[in-house]
């Protein structure tokens, strides 16, 4: 199975989040747990869904490949 994928950073104002996209079709946003985890928690396991869906895998604030940002911004509201 060939999976269409791309990755980029998204500017959210005070930092940038890393976003990986896989597959094509109806978009599903996938958020990992944490802190200390990233989109790899689900990425490969969800690949079978890529035939029907576009998976949008987000590394949350200061996690994974998202930009480093001040700890005081790691609040529930900001996450």
Protein backbone atom coordinates (compact mmCIF):
# COMPACT_ATOMS: atom_id res chain seq x y z
CA UNK A 1 0.00 0.00 0.00
CA UNK A 2 1.46 3.36 -1.09
CA UNK A 3 0.51 6.10 1.37
CA UNK A 4 0.41 9.74 0.30
CA UNK A 5 2.05 11.75 3.10
CA UNK A 6 3.36 15.22 3.82
CA UNK A 7 4.58 17.09 6.88
CA UNK A 8 4.87 20.75 7.78
CA UNK A 9 4.76 23.25 10.65
CA UNK A 10 1.62 25.28 11.33
CA UNK A 11 1.97 28.74 12.91
CA UNK A 12 -0.57 29.13 15.75
CA UNK A 13 0.51 32.62 16.81
CA UNK A 14 3.03 32.13 19.61
CA UNK A 15 4.60 28.87 18.37
CA UNK A 16 4.47 26.35 15.53
CA UNK A 17 3.01 22.87 15.71
CA UNK A 18 4.31 19.97 13.63
CA UNK A 19 1.60 18.35 11.52
CA UNK A 20 1.95 15.16 9.52
CA UNK A 21 -0.72 14.20 7.01
CA UNK A 22 -1.24 10.73 5.58
CA UNK A 23 -3.76 9.32 3.16
CA UNK A 24 -6.59 10.94 1.27
CA UNK A 25 -10.26 11.40 1.95
CA UNK A 26 -12.31 12.67 4.87
CA UNK A 27 -9.94 14.34 7.39
CA UNK A 28 -9.46 12.86 10.86
CA UNK A 29 -7.46 14.88 13.39
CA UNK A 30 -5.39 12.63 15.66
CA UNK A 31 -4.06 14.04 18.95
CA UNK A 32 -1.55 12.11 21.04
CA UNK A 33 -1.45 11.80 24.82
CA UNK A 34 1.26 13.21 26.93
CA UNK A 35 3.14 15.15 27.93
CA UNK A 36 6.29 13.72 26.44
CA UNK A 37 4.75 11.90 23.48
CA UNK A 38 4.25 12.76 19.81
CA UNK A 39 2.32 11.69 16.72
CA UNK A 40 4.34 8.46 16.44
CA UNK A 41 2.20 7.07 19.26
CA UNK A 42 -0.48 6.32 16.64
CA UNK A 43 1.01 7.01 13.22
CA UNK A 44 1.94 3.57 11.85
CA UNK A 45 -0.90 1.76 13.62
CA UNK A 46 -3.49 3.94 11.89
CA UNK A 47 -2.03 3.59 8.38
CA UNK A 48 -4.74 1.07 7.33
CA UNK A 49 -7.24 3.96 7.63
CA UNK A 50 -5.36 5.93 4.96
CA UNK A 51 -7.34 4.20 2.20
CA UNK A 52 -10.48 6.07 3.28
CA UNK A 53 -9.29 8.98 5.42
CA UNK A 54 -6.72 11.77 5.52
CA UNK A 55 -5.04 11.43 8.93
CA UNK A 56 -3.88 14.75 10.38
CA UNK A 57 -1.34 13.84 13.08
CA UNK A 58 -0.51 16.79 15.34
CA UNK A 59 2.45 17.07 17.71
CA UNK A 60 1.06 19.21 20.51
CA UNK A 61 2.75 22.31 21.94
CA UNK A 62 6.45 21.71 22.77
CA UNK A 63 6.10 17.98 22.01
CA UNK A 64 7.72 15.88 19.29
CA UNK A 65 8.79 17.97 16.31
CA UNK A 66 6.74 21.05 17.29
CA UNK A 67 8.76 24.13 18.20
CA UNK A 68 10.05 24.59 21.73
CA UNK A 69 8.08 27.22 23.65
CA UNK A 70 8.12 28.58 27.22
CA UNK A 71 6.86 26.22 29.94
CA UNK A 72 4.43 28.85 31.23
CA UNK A 73 2.47 28.35 27.99
CA UNK A 74 1.95 24.63 28.62
CA UNK A 75 -1.47 25.16 30.13
CA UNK A 76 -4.68 23.25 29.39
CA UNK A 77 -6.09 26.34 27.71
CA UNK A 78 -3.06 26.76 25.44
CA UNK A 79 -2.77 23.06 24.63
